[in-house]
C-alpha cells in the first residue's frame, strides 16, 4: 500500500515529464502526418508510438525505483528505533539528497546543543533546590528541638503541627529534586512492612494528635523486597493524604496481607469524605485536586501523583478505591521475590 502511495506521489511529481513526452510524441506524429515528403505508413507510425511509449514507461519505472530509494530508506528509518538515526541516514545518490542529509545533521546538532543547555540548566536548578532544602532543614531541626523541649505548652503543640506541614513540604521538594536520579539511587532489600510504616506514622504523630486521629494496624508480619527510602516516600504521601482528609476523631486503618500469588498488598484506609466516581480515575494525575481537594483548600495535586510516579519506577502497583462519605483506600501491591529473581536472570 505504501509503495502504491509512493508511486502515486511520484507520478504526480513527474506529471510535467509525462505531459512533455505526450506533447512531443503528438507533435512528432502531426509533423509526420502533414509532411508530404515523408512516405510513412500509419502502421509504422503506430509501431513507432508503441515503441517510444514502452521505452518511456521502462525509463519512468527505472527512475522511480532509483529516485525513491532514498525516501524508502528514510521511511524505514522512521518505523524503527530512532536513537541513532544520524548514523543510519541512507547514502545520497543525488545532490538534493545530499543537501537533505546535511540539513538533517545540522538540525540534529542544533537540537542537541539546545537540549544540552536545557539539561545543564535543569541540573543546576535541581542542585540549587537540593542545596536550598538542606539549608532550610538546619533551622527546622533547631525549631524541632525547641518544640520538643516545650511540648507541654499547648501553643507549642499547635506550632508543632504547623512545623510538621512545612517539614513535609520541604522534604517532598527534596525528593522531587532527587527523582531524575532515582535509578542511580535505587537499592533493593528485604524489609518488614512495619519498618516502613512505623517511622512514617511517628512522623505524622503531632498532626494526628491535633486532629485526634487514631492509626490502627491489622495484618501479619510480612516482608517485602523494595527500596526502603523511596517506599517510605510513597507511604508518606499516602498517609499525609489520609490524615489531611480524615475527620476529627477518625481512624486510619493500615493492613498488610499476602495474596494467593505471593504478592503483598498494603492498604491505607481513611474515614474521610471519599472521592466521587467521576474523579477517582484522575486522582493520580498531576495537579488534579478534585472537588474534595477544593473544598478543603489544602490540596496541591502533587502527593498522589509523585507517589504513583515513584511506585512505577520501583515496581509497586498503586491503586485506589473510594465511595462518597465512606472514605478512601489506597492499595500498594509489592511483587514477591520471584519477580525480581526473574528480572535479574
C-alpha atoms as a PDB file:
ATOM      1  CA  UNK A   1       0.000   0.000   0.000  1.00  0.00           C
ATOM      2  CA  UNK A   2       2.813   2.414   0.865  1.00  0.00           C
ATOM      3  CA  UNK A   3       4.577   1.504  -2.366  1.00  0.00           C
ATOM      4  CA  UNK A   4       1.445   2.385  -4.339  1.00  0.00           C
ATOM      5  CA  UNK A   5       1.071   5.657  -2.439  1.00  0.00           C
ATOM      6  CA  UNK A   6       4.699   6.484  -3.155  1.00  0.00           C
ATOM      7  CA  UNK A   7       4.228   5.652  -6.852  1.00  0.00           C
ATOM      8  CA  UNK A   8       1.132   7.862  -6.978  1.00  0.00           C
ATOM      9  CA  UNK A   9       3.082  10.696  -5.422  1.00  0.00           C
ATOM     10  CA  UNK A  10       5.991  10.202  -7.816  1.00  0.00           C
ATOM     11  CA  UNK A  11       3.559  10.136 -10.738  1.00  0.00           C
ATOM     12  CA  UNK A  12       2.058  13.424  -9.580  1.00  0.00           C
ATOM     13  CA  UNK A  13       5.502  14.990  -9.114  1.00  0.00           C
ATOM     14  CA  UNK A  14       6.571  13.949 -12.613  1.00  0.00           C
ATOM     15  CA  UNK A  15       3.408  14.910 -14.466  1.00  0.00           C
ATOM     16  CA  UNK A  16       5.370  17.650 -16.270  1.00  0.00           C
ATOM     17  CA  UNK A  17       7.635  14.910 -17.680  1.00  0.00           C
ATOM     18  CA  UNK A  18       4.612  12.927 -18.828  1.00  0.00           C
ATOM     19  CA  UNK A  19       2.931  15.953 -20.394  1.00  0.00           C
ATOM     20  CA  UNK A  20       6.148  16.914 -22.181  1.00  0.00           C
ATOM     21  CA  UNK A  21       6.601  13.414 -23.555  1.00  0.00           C
ATOM     22  CA  UNK A  22       2.964  13.100 -24.665  1.00  0.00           C
ATOM     23  CA  UNK A  23       3.077  16.536 -26.243  1.00  0.00           C
ATOM     24  CA  UNK A  24       6.347  15.821 -28.029  1.00  0.00           C
ATOM     25  CA  UNK A  25       5.053  12.491 -29.320  1.00  0.00           C
ATOM     26  CA  UNK A  26       1.814  14.062 -30.544  1.00  0.00           C
ATOM     27  CA  UNK A  27       3.738  16.923 -32.193  1.00  0.00           C
ATOM     28  CA  UNK A  28       6.032  14.422 -33.965  1.00  0.00           C
ATOM     29  CA  UNK A  29       3.065  12.379 -35.192  1.00  0.00           C
ATOM     30  CA  UNK A  30       1.398  15.519 -36.580  1.00  0.00           C
ATOM     31  CA  UNK A  31       4.567  16.582 -38.397  1.00  0.00           C
ATOM     32  CA  UNK A  32       4.951  13.149 -39.965  1.00  0.00           C
ATOM     33  CA  UNK A  33       1.301  13.135 -40.940  1.00  0.00           C
ATOM     34  CA  UNK A  34       1.260  16.536 -42.607  1.00  0.00           C
ATOM     35  CA  UNK A  35       4.711  16.324 -44.240  1.00  0.00           C
ATOM     36  CA  UNK A  36       4.044  15.028 -47.759  1.00  0.00           C
ATOM     37  CA  UNK A  37       7.722  14.384 -48.295  1.00  0.00           C
ATOM     38  CA  UNK A  38       7.701  11.573 -45.698  1.00  0.00           C
ATOM     39  CA  UNK A  39       6.046   8.442 -47.019  1.00  0.00           C
ATOM     40  CA  UNK A  40       5.354   6.722 -43.705  1.00  0.00           C
ATOM     41  CA  UNK A  41       2.560   4.257 -43.387  1.00  0.00           C
ATOM     42  CA  UNK A  42       0.039   4.627 -40.494  1.00  0.00           C
ATOM     43  CA  UNK A  43       1.067   1.214 -39.212  1.00  0.00           C
ATOM     44  CA  UNK A  44       4.674   2.366 -38.975  1.00  0.00           C
ATOM     45  CA  UNK A  45       3.628   5.478 -37.082  1.00  0.00           C
ATOM     46  CA  UNK A  46       1.626   3.296 -34.678  1.00  0.00           C
ATOM     47  CA  UNK A  47       4.596   0.976 -34.228  1.00  0.00           C
ATOM     48  CA  UNK A  48       6.885   3.946 -33.541  1.00  0.00           C
ATOM     49  CA  UNK A  49       4.453   5.314 -30.963  1.00  0.00           C
ATOM     50  CA  UNK A  50       4.190   1.948 -29.177  1.00  0.00           C
ATOM     51  CA  UNK A  51       7.974   1.621 -29.149  1.00  0.00           C
ATOM     52  CA  UNK A  52       8.532   5.103 -27.741  1.00  0.00           C
ATOM     53  CA  UNK A  53       5.767   4.754 -25.123  1.00  0.00           C
ATOM     54  CA  UNK A  54       7.188   1.399 -23.994  1.00  0.00           C
ATOM     55  CA  UNK A  55      10.666   2.899 -23.740  1.00  0.00           C
ATOM     56  CA  UNK A  56       9.294   5.850 -21.767  1.00  0.00           C
ATOM     57  CA  UNK A  57       7.403   3.559 -19.344  1.00  0.00           C
ATOM     58  CA  UNK A  58      10.539   1.482 -18.778  1.00  0.00           C
ATOM     59  CA  UNK A  59      12.556   4.650 -18.243  1.00  0.00           C
ATOM     60  CA  UNK A  60       9.904   6.056 -15.903  1.00  0.00           C
ATOM     61  CA  UNK A  61       9.823   2.852 -13.759  1.00  0.00           C
ATOM     62  CA  UNK A  62      13.617   2.758 -13.595  1.00  0.00           C
ATOM     63  CA  UNK A  63      13.759   6.361 -12.438  1.00  0.00           C
ATOM     64  CA  UNK A  64      11.009   5.713  -9.895  1.00  0.00           C
ATOM     65  CA  UNK A  65      12.982   2.853  -8.317  1.00  0.00           C
ATOM     66  CA  UNK A  66      16.231   4.830  -8.368  1.00  0.00           C
ATOM     67  CA  UNK A  67      14.919   8.196  -7.187  1.00  0.00           C
ATOM     68  CA  UNK A  68      12.682   6.856  -4.401  1.00  0.00           C
ATOM     69  CA  UNK A  69      15.315   4.624  -2.796  1.00  0.00           C
ATOM     70  CA  UNK A  70      16.398   7.446  -0.503  1.00  0.00           C
ATOM     71  CA  UNK A  71      12.779   8.171   0.506  1.00  0.00           C
ATOM     72  CA  UNK A  72      12.040   4.471   1.123  1.00  0.00           C
ATOM     73  CA  UNK A  73      15.080   4.106   3.370  1.00  0.00           C
ATOM     74  CA  UNK A  74      14.106   7.245   5.289  1.00  0.00           C
ATOM     75  CA  UNK A  75      10.627   5.773   5.781  1.00  0.00           C
ATOM     76  CA  UNK A  76      12.106   2.502   7.063  1.00  0.00           C
ATOM     77  CA  UNK A  77      14.276   4.524   9.451  1.00  0.00           C
ATOM     78  CA  UNK A  78      11.183   6.244  10.858  1.00  0.00           C
ATOM     79  CA  UNK A  79       9.487   2.906  11.540  1.00  0.00           C
ATOM     80  CA  UNK A  80      12.363   1.583  13.648  1.00  0.00           C
ATOM     81  CA  UNK A  81      14.179   2.911  16.724  1.00  0.00           C
ATOM     82  CA  UNK A  82      15.471   6.402  16.007  1.00  0.00           C
ATOM     83  CA  UNK A  83      18.043   6.747  18.781  1.00  0.00           C
ATOM     84  CA  UNK A  84      20.976   6.581  16.310  1.00  0.00           C
ATOM     85  CA  UNK A  85      19.181   7.911  13.244  1.00  0.00           C
ATOM     86  CA  UNK A  86      22.024  10.256  12.310  1.00  0.00           C
ATOM     87  CA  UNK A  87      24.424   7.395  11.636  1.00  0.00           C
ATOM     88  CA  UNK A  88      21.682   5.383   9.915  1.00  0.00           C
ATOM     89  CA  UNK A  89      20.811   8.014   7.307  1.00  0.00           C
ATOM     90  CA  UNK A  90      20.776   6.486   3.792  1.00  0.00           C
ATOM     91  CA  UNK A  91      23.617   7.307   1.417  1.00  0.00           C
ATOM     92  CA  UNK A  92      22.600  10.040  -1.024  1.00  0.00           C
ATOM     93  CA  UNK A  93      22.770   9.480  -4.791  1.00  0.00           C
ATOM     94  CA  UNK A  94      21.709  12.937  -5.901  1.00  0.00           C
ATOM     95  CA  UNK A  95      22.674  16.469  -4.923  1.00  0.00           C
ATOM     96  CA  UNK A  96      19.297  17.258  -3.327  1.00  0.00           C
ATOM     97  CA  UNK A  97      19.511  14.094  -1.198  1.00  0.00           C
ATOM     98  CA  UNK A  98      22.962  15.136  -0.005  1.00  0.00           C
ATOM     99  CA  UNK A  99      21.552  18.563   0.926  1.00  0.00           C
ATOM    100  CA  UNK A 100      18.714  16.874   2.843  1.00  0.00           C
ATOM    101  CA  UNK A 101      21.247  14.850   4.840  1.00  0.00           C
ATOM    102  CA  UNK A 102      23.260  17.968   5.609  1.00  0.00           C
ATOM    103  CA  UNK A 103      20.148  19.802   6.750  1.00  0.00           C
ATOM    104  CA  UNK A 104      19.056  16.901   8.985  1.00  0.00           C
ATOM    105  CA  UNK A 105      22.539  16.712  10.524  1.00  0.00           C
ATOM    106  CA  UNK A 106      22.579  20.463  11.209  1.00  0.00           C
ATOM    107  CA  UNK A 107      19.096  20.344  12.753  1.00  0.00           C
ATOM    108  CA  UNK A 108      20.141  17.389  14.940  1.00  0.00           C
ATOM    109  CA  UNK A 109      23.304  19.165  16.103  1.00  0.00           C
ATOM    110  CA  UNK A 110      21.395  22.354  16.913  1.00  0.00           C
ATOM    111  CA  UNK A 111      18.725  20.368  18.769  1.00  0.00           C
ATOM    112  CA  UNK A 112      21.393  18.516  20.759  1.00  0.00           C
ATOM    113  CA  UNK A 113      23.039  21.825  21.688  1.00  0.00           C
ATOM    114  CA  UNK A 114      19.731  23.219  22.917  1.00  0.00           C
ATOM    115  CA  UNK A 115      18.960  20.017  24.840  1.00  0.00           C
ATOM    116  CA  UNK A 116      22.388  20.148  26.465  1.00  0.00           C
ATOM    117  CA  UNK A 117      21.728  23.725  27.590  1.00  0.00           C
ATOM    118  CA  UNK A 118      18.318  22.737  28.967  1.00  0.00           C
ATOM    119  CA  UNK A 119      19.791  19.735  30.776  1.00  0.00           C
ATOM    120  CA  UNK A 120      22.547  21.866  32.252  1.00  0.00           C
ATOM    121  CA  UNK A 121      20.018  24.438  33.442  1.00  0.00           C
ATOM    122  CA  UNK A 122      17.801  21.699  34.857  1.00  0.00           C
ATOM    123  CA  UNK A 123      20.688  20.104  36.725  1.00  0.00           C
ATOM    124  CA  UNK A 124      21.743  23.479  38.116  1.00  0.00           C
ATOM    125  CA  UNK A 125      18.193  24.196  39.223  1.00  0.00           C
ATOM    126  CA  UNK A 126      17.885  20.748  40.781  1.00  0.00           C
ATOM    127  CA  UNK A 127      21.202  21.166  42.612  1.00  0.00           C
ATOM    128  CA  UNK A 128      20.139  24.614  43.810  1.00  0.00           C
ATOM    129  CA  UNK A 129      16.818  23.238  45.054  1.00  0.00           C
ATOM    130  CA  UNK A 130      18.528  20.369  46.868  1.00  0.00           C
ATOM    131  CA  UNK A 131      21.041  22.751  48.432  1.00  0.00           C
ATOM    132  CA  UNK A 132      18.251  25.130  49.465  1.00  0.00           C
ATOM    133  CA  UNK A 133      16.282  22.296  51.050  1.00  0.00           C
ATOM    134  CA  UNK A 134      19.327  21.150  53.007  1.00  0.00           C
ATOM    135  CA  UNK A 135      19.935  24.707  54.186  1.00  0.00           C
ATOM    136  CA  UNK A 136      16.330  25.097  55.296  1.00  0.00           C
ATOM    137  CA  UNK A 137      16.447  21.810  57.190  1.00  0.00           C
ATOM    138  CA  UNK A 138      19.000  23.223  59.628  1.00  0.00           C
ATOM    139  CA  UNK A 139      16.692  25.891  61.151  1.00  0.00           C
ATOM    140  CA  UNK A 140      13.810  23.418  61.022  1.00  0.00           C
ATOM    141  CA  UNK A 141      15.854  20.988  63.095  1.00  0.00           C
ATOM    142  CA  UNK A 142      16.609  23.743  65.597  1.00  0.00           C
ATOM    143  CA  UNK A 143      12.919  24.605  65.754  1.00  0.00           C
ATOM    144  CA  UNK A 144      12.074  20.944  66.366  1.00  0.00           C
ATOM    145  CA  UNK A 145      14.494  20.787  69.290  1.00  0.00           C
ATOM    146  CA  UNK A 146      12.849  23.854  70.800  1.00  0.00           C
ATOM    147  CA  UNK A 147       9.399  22.332  70.283  1.00  0.00           C
ATOM    148  CA  UNK A 148      10.458  19.067  71.942  1.00  0.00           C
ATOM    149  CA  UNK A 149      11.800  20.988  74.928  1.00  0.00           C
ATOM    150  CA  UNK A 150       8.464  22.812  75.469  1.00  0.00           C
ATOM    151  CA  UNK A 151       5.998  20.178  74.340  1.00  0.00           C
ATOM    152  CA  UNK A 152       3.794  20.663  77.429  1.00  0.00           C
ATOM    153  CA  UNK A 153       2.798  24.134  76.205  1.00  0.00           C
ATOM    154  CA  UNK A 154      -0.488  23.947  74.180  1.00  0.00           C
ATOM    155  CA  UNK A 155       0.686  26.767  71.925  1.00  0.00           C
ATOM    156  CA  UNK A 156       3.881  24.874  71.165  1.00  0.00           C
ATOM    157  CA  UNK A 157       1.862  21.781  70.224  1.00  0.00           C
ATOM    158  CA  UNK A 158      -0.066  23.905  67.738  1.00  0.00           C
ATOM    159  CA  UNK A 159       3.195  25.235  66.354  1.00  0.00           C
ATOM    160  CA  UNK A 160       4.499  21.676  66.069  1.00  0.00           C
ATOM    161  CA  UNK A 161       1.574  20.714  63.829  1.00  0.00           C
ATOM    162  CA  UNK A 162       2.309  23.667  61.549  1.00  0.00           C
ATOM    163  CA  UNK A 163       6.029  22.873  61.673  1.00  0.00           C
ATOM    164  CA  UNK A 164       5.217  19.351  60.503  1.00  0.00           C
ATOM    165  CA  UNK A 165       3.368  20.631  57.458  1.00  0.00           C
ATOM    166  CA  UNK A 166       6.343  22.803  56.474  1.00  0.00           C
ATOM    167  CA  UNK A 167       8.713  19.908  57.106  1.00  0.00           C
ATOM    168  CA  UNK A 168       6.684  17.573  54.885  1.00  0.00           C
ATOM    169  CA  UNK A 169       6.549  20.097  52.050  1.00  0.00           C
ATOM    170  CA  UNK A 170      10.282  20.707  52.161  1.00  0.00           C
ATOM    171  CA  UNK A 171      11.038  17.006  52.423  1.00  0.00           C
ATOM    172  CA  UNK A 172       8.812  16.331  49.416  1.00  0.00           C
ATOM    173  CA  UNK A 173      10.638  19.027  47.450  1.00  0.00           C
ATOM    174  CA  UNK A 174      13.917  17.284  48.220  1.00  0.00           C
ATOM    175  CA  UNK A 175      12.582  14.024  46.838  1.00  0.00           C
ATOM    176  CA  UNK A 176      11.297  15.832  43.731  1.00  0.00           C
ATOM    177  CA  UNK A 177      14.818  17.119  43.147  1.00  0.00           C
ATOM    178  CA  UNK A 178      16.177  13.568  43.514  1.00  0.00           C
ATOM    179  CA  UNK A 179      13.625  11.877  41.263  1.00  0.00           C
ATOM    180  CA  UNK A 180      15.587  12.310  37.990  1.00  0.00           C
ATOM    181  CA  UNK A 181      18.415  10.269  39.558  1.00  0.00           C
ATOM    182  CA  UNK A 182      16.176   7.653  41.157  1.00  0.00           C
ATOM    183  CA  UNK A 183      17.578   4.836  39.021  1.00  0.00           C
ATOM    184  CA  UNK A 184      21.054   5.578  40.380  1.00  0.00           C
ATOM    185  CA  UNK A 185      19.728   5.864  43.940  1.00  0.00           C
ATOM    186  CA  UNK A 186      17.846   2.573  44.000  1.00  0.00           C
ATOM    187  CA  UNK A 187      18.694  -0.229  46.419  1.00  0.00           C
ATOM    188  CA  UNK A 188      16.570  -3.361  46.790  1.00  0.00           C
ATOM    189  CA  UNK A 189      16.421  -5.035  50.179  1.00  0.00           C
ATOM    190  CA  UNK A 190      14.134  -7.296  52.160  1.00  0.00           C
ATOM    191  CA  UNK A 191      12.332  -5.210  54.761  1.00  0.00           C
ATOM    192  CA  UNK A 192       9.451  -5.804  57.157  1.00  0.00           C
ATOM    193  CA  UNK A 193       6.287  -3.815  56.463  1.00  0.00           C
ATOM    194  CA  UNK A 194       6.196  -2.377  59.994  1.00  0.00           C
ATOM    195  CA  UNK A 195       9.693  -0.968  59.491  1.00  0.00           C
ATOM    196  CA  UNK A 196       8.294   1.074  56.631  1.00  0.00           C
ATOM    197  CA  UNK A 197       5.093   2.154  58.365  1.00  0.00           C
ATOM    198  CA  UNK A 198       6.180   2.934  61.924  1.00  0.00           C
ATOM    199  CA  UNK A 199       8.625   5.800  61.141  1.00  0.00           C
ATOM    200  CA  UNK A 200       6.053   7.482  58.907  1.00  0.00           C
ATOM    201  CA  UNK A 201       3.290   7.171  61.488  1.00  0.00           C
ATOM    202  CA  UNK A 202       5.605   8.666  64.112  1.00  0.00           C
ATOM    203  CA  UNK A 203       6.479  11.467  61.684  1.00  0.00           C
ATOM    204  CA  UNK A 204       2.804  12.434  61.476  1.00  0.00           C
ATOM    205  CA  UNK A 205       2.150  11.984  65.196  1.00  0.00           C
ATOM    206  CA  UNK A 206       1.681  15.665  66.064  1.00  0.00           C
ATOM    207  CA  UNK A 207      -0.796  16.135  63.201  1.00  0.00           C
ATOM    208  CA  UNK A 208      -2.724  13.057  64.297  1.00  0.00           C
ATOM    209  CA  UNK A 209      -2.799  14.314  67.895  1.00  0.00           C
ATOM    210  CA  UNK A 210      -4.063  17.695  66.730  1.00  0.00           C
ATOM    211  CA  UNK A 211      -6.981  16.016  64.914  1.00  0.00           C
ATOM    212  CA  UNK A 212      -7.352  13.204  67.482  1.00  0.00           C
ATOM    213  CA  UNK A 213      -6.828  10.603  64.753  1.00  0.00           C
ATOM    214  CA  UNK A 214      -6.047   7.003  65.669  1.00  0.00           C
ATOM    215  CA  UNK A 215      -3.907   4.732  63.494  1.00  0.00           C
ATOM    216  CA  UNK A 216      -4.743   1.024  63.610  1.00  0.00           C
ATOM    217  CA  UNK A 217      -2.543  -1.651  62.052  1.00  0.00           C
ATOM    218  CA  UNK A 218      -4.030  -5.033  61.252  1.00  0.00           C
ATOM    219  CA  UNK A 219      -2.032  -7.647  59.437  1.00  0.00           C
ATOM    220  CA  UNK A 220       0.656 -10.238  59.516  1.00  0.00           C
ATOM    221  CA  UNK A 221       4.355  -9.597  59.965  1.00  0.00           C
ATOM    222  CA  UNK A 222       5.217  -9.577  56.306  1.00  0.00           C
ATOM    223  CA  UNK A 223       8.404  -8.802  54.430  1.00  0.00           C
ATOM    224  CA  UNK A 224       8.691  -7.118  51.050  1.00  0.00           C
ATOM    225  CA  UNK A 225      11.545  -6.574  48.611  1.00  0.00           C
ATOM    226  CA  UNK A 226      11.774  -2.871  47.818  1.00  0.00           C
ATOM    227  CA  UNK A 227      13.824   0.279  48.194  1.00  0.00           C
ATOM    228  CA  UNK A 228      13.338   1.376  51.788  1.00  0.00           C
ATOM    229  CA  UNK A 229      13.817   5.131  51.299  1.00  0.00           C
ATOM    230  CA  UNK A 230      11.658   5.557  48.206  1.00  0.00           C
ATOM    231  CA  UNK A 231       8.968   3.222  49.501  1.00  0.00           C
ATOM    232  CA  UNK A 232       8.719   5.283  52.671  1.00  0.00           C
ATOM    233  CA  UNK A 233       8.312   8.368  50.495  1.00  0.00           C
ATOM    234  CA  UNK A 234       5.305   6.717  48.800  1.00  0.00           C
ATOM    235  CA  UNK A 235       3.787   5.703  52.137  1.00  0.00           C
ATOM    236  CA  UNK A 236       4.351   9.226  53.482  1.00  0.00           C
ATOM    237  CA  UNK A 237       2.363  10.787  50.640  1.00  0.00           C
ATOM    238  CA  UNK A 238      -0.493   8.332  51.092  1.00  0.00           C
ATOM    239  CA  UNK A 239      -0.570   8.734  54.880  1.00  0.00           C
ATOM    240  CA  UNK A 240      -0.393  12.522  54.576  1.00  0.00           C
ATOM    241  CA  UNK A 241      -3.451  12.458  52.353  1.00  0.00           C
ATOM    242  CA  UNK A 242      -5.233  10.134  54.758  1.00  0.00           C
ATOM    243  CA  UNK A 243      -4.569  12.426  57.744  1.00  0.00           C
ATOM    244  CA  UNK A 244      -5.443  15.552  55.756  1.00  0.00           C
ATOM    245  CA  UNK A 245      -8.898  14.280  54.778  1.00  0.00           C
ATOM    246  CA  UNK A 246      -9.723  12.269  57.884  1.00  0.00           C
ATOM    247  CA  UNK A 247     -12.356  13.824  60.170  1.00  0.00           C
ATOM    248  CA  UNK A 248     -11.521  14.870  63.702  1.00  0.00           C
ATOM    249  CA  UNK A 249     -11.631  11.774  65.897  1.00  0.00           C
ATOM    250  CA  UNK A 250     -11.375   9.435  62.898  1.00  0.00           C
ATOM    251  CA  UNK A 251      -9.253   6.341  62.416  1.00  0.00           C
ATOM    252  CA  UNK A 252      -6.772   5.388  59.718  1.00  0.00           C
ATOM    253  CA  UNK A 253      -6.620   1.637  59.121  1.00  0.00           C
ATOM    254  CA  UNK A 254      -3.402   0.044  57.890  1.00  0.00           C
ATOM    255  CA  UNK A 255      -3.399  -3.578  56.763  1.00  0.00           C
ATOM    256  CA  UNK A 256      -0.885  -5.871  55.086  1.00  0.00           C
ATOM    257  CA  UNK A 257      -1.867  -9.203  53.589  1.00  0.00           C
ATOM    258  CA  UNK A 258      -0.277 -11.803  51.374  1.00  0.00           C
ATOM    259  CA  UNK A 259      -2.293 -12.666  48.281  1.00  0.00           C
ATOM    260  CA  UNK A 260      -2.554 -16.158  46.816  1.00  0.00           C
ATOM    261  CA  UNK A 261       0.035 -15.270  44.138  1.00  0.00           C
ATOM    262  CA  UNK A 262       2.558 -14.266  46.801  1.00  0.00           C
ATOM    263  CA  UNK A 263       2.258 -10.511  46.325  1.00  0.00           C
ATOM    264  CA  UNK A 264       1.992  -8.342  49.430  1.00  0.00           C
ATOM    265  CA  UNK A 265      -0.782  -5.746  49.488  1.00  0.00           C
ATOM    266  CA  UNK A 266      -0.550  -2.810  51.875  1.00  0.00           C
ATOM    267  CA  UNK A 267      -3.793  -0.862  52.287  1.00  0.00           C
ATOM    268  CA  UNK A 268      -4.215   2.616  53.795  1.00  0.00           C
ATOM    269  CA  UNK A 269      -7.903   3.237  54.560  1.00  0.00           C
ATOM    270  CA  UNK A 270      -9.262   6.513  55.929  1.00  0.00           C
ATOM    271  CA  UNK A 271     -12.717   7.646  57.050  1.00  0.00           C
ATOM    272  CA  UNK A 272     -12.704  10.829  55.016  1.00  0.00           C
ATOM    273  CA  UNK A 273     -15.365  12.231  52.713  1.00  0.00           C
ATOM    274  CA  UNK A 274     -14.418   9.887  49.873  1.00  0.00           C
ATOM    275  CA  UNK A 275     -13.914  10.627  46.202  1.00  0.00           C
ATOM    276  CA  UNK A 276     -16.689  10.889  43.601  1.00  0.00           C
ATOM    277  CA  UNK A 277     -16.652   8.137  40.983  1.00  0.00           C
ATOM    278  CA  UNK A 278     -16.023  10.677  38.216  1.00  0.00           C
ATOM    279  CA  UNK A 279     -12.865  11.923  39.971  1.00  0.00           C
ATOM    280  CA  UNK A 280     -11.409   8.571  41.039  1.00  0.00           C
ATOM    281  CA  UNK A 281      -9.645   7.727  37.718  1.00  0.00           C
ATOM    282  CA  UNK A 282      -7.857  11.105  37.834  1.00  0.00           C
ATOM    283  CA  UNK A 283      -6.544  11.247  41.398  1.00  0.00           C
ATOM    284  CA  UNK A 284      -3.040  10.209  40.275  1.00  0.00           C
ATOM    285  CA  UNK A 285      -2.898  12.914  37.597  1.00  0.00           C
ATOM    286  CA  UNK A 286      -0.522  15.805  38.143  1.00  0.00           C
ATOM    287  CA  UNK A 287      -2.231  18.866  39.600  1.00  0.00           C
ATOM    288  CA  UNK A 288      -5.639  17.212  39.975  1.00  0.00           C
ATOM    289  CA  UNK A 289      -7.316  18.159  43.254  1.00  0.00           C
ATOM    290  CA  UNK A 290     -10.956  17.225  42.634  1.00  0.00           C
ATOM    291  CA  UNK A 291     -13.982  18.532  44.436  1.00  0.00           C
ATOM    292  CA  UNK A 292     -12.804  17.276  47.832  1.00  0.00           C
ATOM    293  CA  UNK A 293      -9.426  18.995  47.485  1.00  0.00           C
ATOM    294  CA  UNK A 294     -11.023  22.301  46.540  1.00  0.00           C
ATOM    295  CA  UNK A 295     -13.436  22.007  49.441  1.00  0.00           C
ATOM    296  CA  UNK A 296     -10.598  21.607  51.936  1.00  0.00           C
ATOM    297  CA  UNK A 297      -8.490  24.223  50.119  1.00  0.00           C
ATOM    298  CA  UNK A 298      -5.344  22.303  51.066  1.00  0.00           C
ATOM    299  CA  UNK A 299      -4.615  20.086  48.086  1.00  0.00           C
ATOM    300  CA  UNK A 300      -1.746  20.659  45.649  1.00  0.00           C
ATOM    301  CA  UNK A 301      -2.459  17.726  43.351  1.00  0.00           C
ATOM    302  CA  UNK A 302       1.147  16.525  43.713  1.00  0.00           C
ATOM    303  CA  UNK A 303       1.183  13.999  46.568  1.00  0.00           C
ATOM    304  CA  UNK A 304      -0.509  11.024  44.898  1.00  0.00           C
ATOM    305  CA  UNK A 305       0.942  11.953  41.516  1.00  0.00           C
ATOM    306  CA  UNK A 306       4.504  11.798  42.869  1.00  0.00           C
ATOM    307  CA  UNK A 307       3.714   8.628  44.797  1.00  0.00           C
ATOM    308  CA  UNK A 308       2.470   6.914  41.621  1.00  0.00           C
ATOM    309  CA  UNK A 309       5.496   8.102  39.634  1.00  0.00           C
ATOM    310  CA  UNK A 310       7.902   6.660  42.189  1.00  0.00           C
ATOM    311  CA  UNK A 311       5.820   3.483  42.603  1.00  0.00           C
ATOM    312  CA  UNK A 312       6.031   2.745  38.881  1.00  0.00           C
ATOM    313  CA  UNK A 313       9.801   3.200  38.949  1.00  0.00           C
ATOM    314  CA  UNK A 314      10.323   0.782  41.848  1.00  0.00           C
ATOM    315  CA  UNK A 315       7.816  -1.802  40.607  1.00  0.00           C
ATOM    316  CA  UNK A 316       4.961  -1.176  43.045  1.00  0.00           C
ATOM    317  CA  UNK A 317       1.380  -1.250  41.795  1.00  0.00           C
ATOM    318  CA  UNK A 318      -0.686   1.608  43.221  1.00  0.00           C
ATOM    319  CA  UNK A 319      -4.492   1.708  43.022  1.00  0.00           C
ATOM    320  CA  UNK A 320      -7.335   3.362  44.918  1.00  0.00           C
ATOM    321  CA  UNK A 321     -10.935   2.626  45.882  1.00  0.00           C
ATOM    322  CA  UNK A 322     -13.371   5.153  47.266  1.00  0.00           C
ATOM    323  CA  UNK A 323     -17.020   5.959  47.811  1.00  0.00           C
ATOM    324  CA  UNK A 324     -18.587   9.221  48.831  1.00  0.00           C
ATOM    325  CA  UNK A 325     -18.906   9.555  52.619  1.00  0.00           C
ATOM    326  CA  UNK A 326     -17.255   6.141  53.105  1.00  0.00           C
ATOM    327  CA  UNK A 327     -13.574   7.015  52.949  1.00  0.00           C
ATOM    328  CA  UNK A 328     -10.775   6.134  50.575  1.00  0.00           C
ATOM    329  CA  UNK A 329      -8.499   3.097  50.422  1.00  0.00           C
ATOM    330  CA  UNK A 330      -5.131   3.228  48.652  1.00  0.00           C
ATOM    331  CA  UNK A 331      -3.540  -0.133  47.846  1.00  0.00           C
ATOM    332  CA  UNK A 332       0.181  -0.711  47.363  1.00  0.00           C
ATOM    333  CA  UNK A 333       0.938  -4.122  45.847  1.00  0.00           C
ATOM    334  CA  UNK A 334       4.526  -5.320  46.158  1.00  0.00           C
ATOM    335  CA  UNK A 335       5.897  -8.027  43.861  1.00  0.00           C
ATOM    336  CA  UNK A 336       7.300 -11.132  45.503  1.00  0.00           C
ATOM    337  CA  UNK A 337      10.965 -12.112  45.420  1.00  0.00           C
ATOM    338  CA  UNK A 338      10.462 -14.449  42.463  1.00  0.00           C
ATOM    339  CA  UNK A 339       9.612 -11.477  40.240  1.00  0.00           C
ATOM    340  CA  UNK A 340      12.930  -9.788  40.998  1.00  0.00           C
ATOM    341  CA  UNK A 341      14.808 -13.062  40.542  1.00  0.00           C
ATOM    342  CA  UNK A 342      13.220 -13.472  37.102  1.00  0.00           C
ATOM    343  CA  UNK A 343      14.124  -9.877  36.238  1.00  0.00           C
ATOM    344  CA  UNK A 344      17.755 -10.387  37.166  1.00  0.00           C
ATOM    345  CA  UNK A 345      18.036 -13.528  35.054  1.00  0.00           C
END
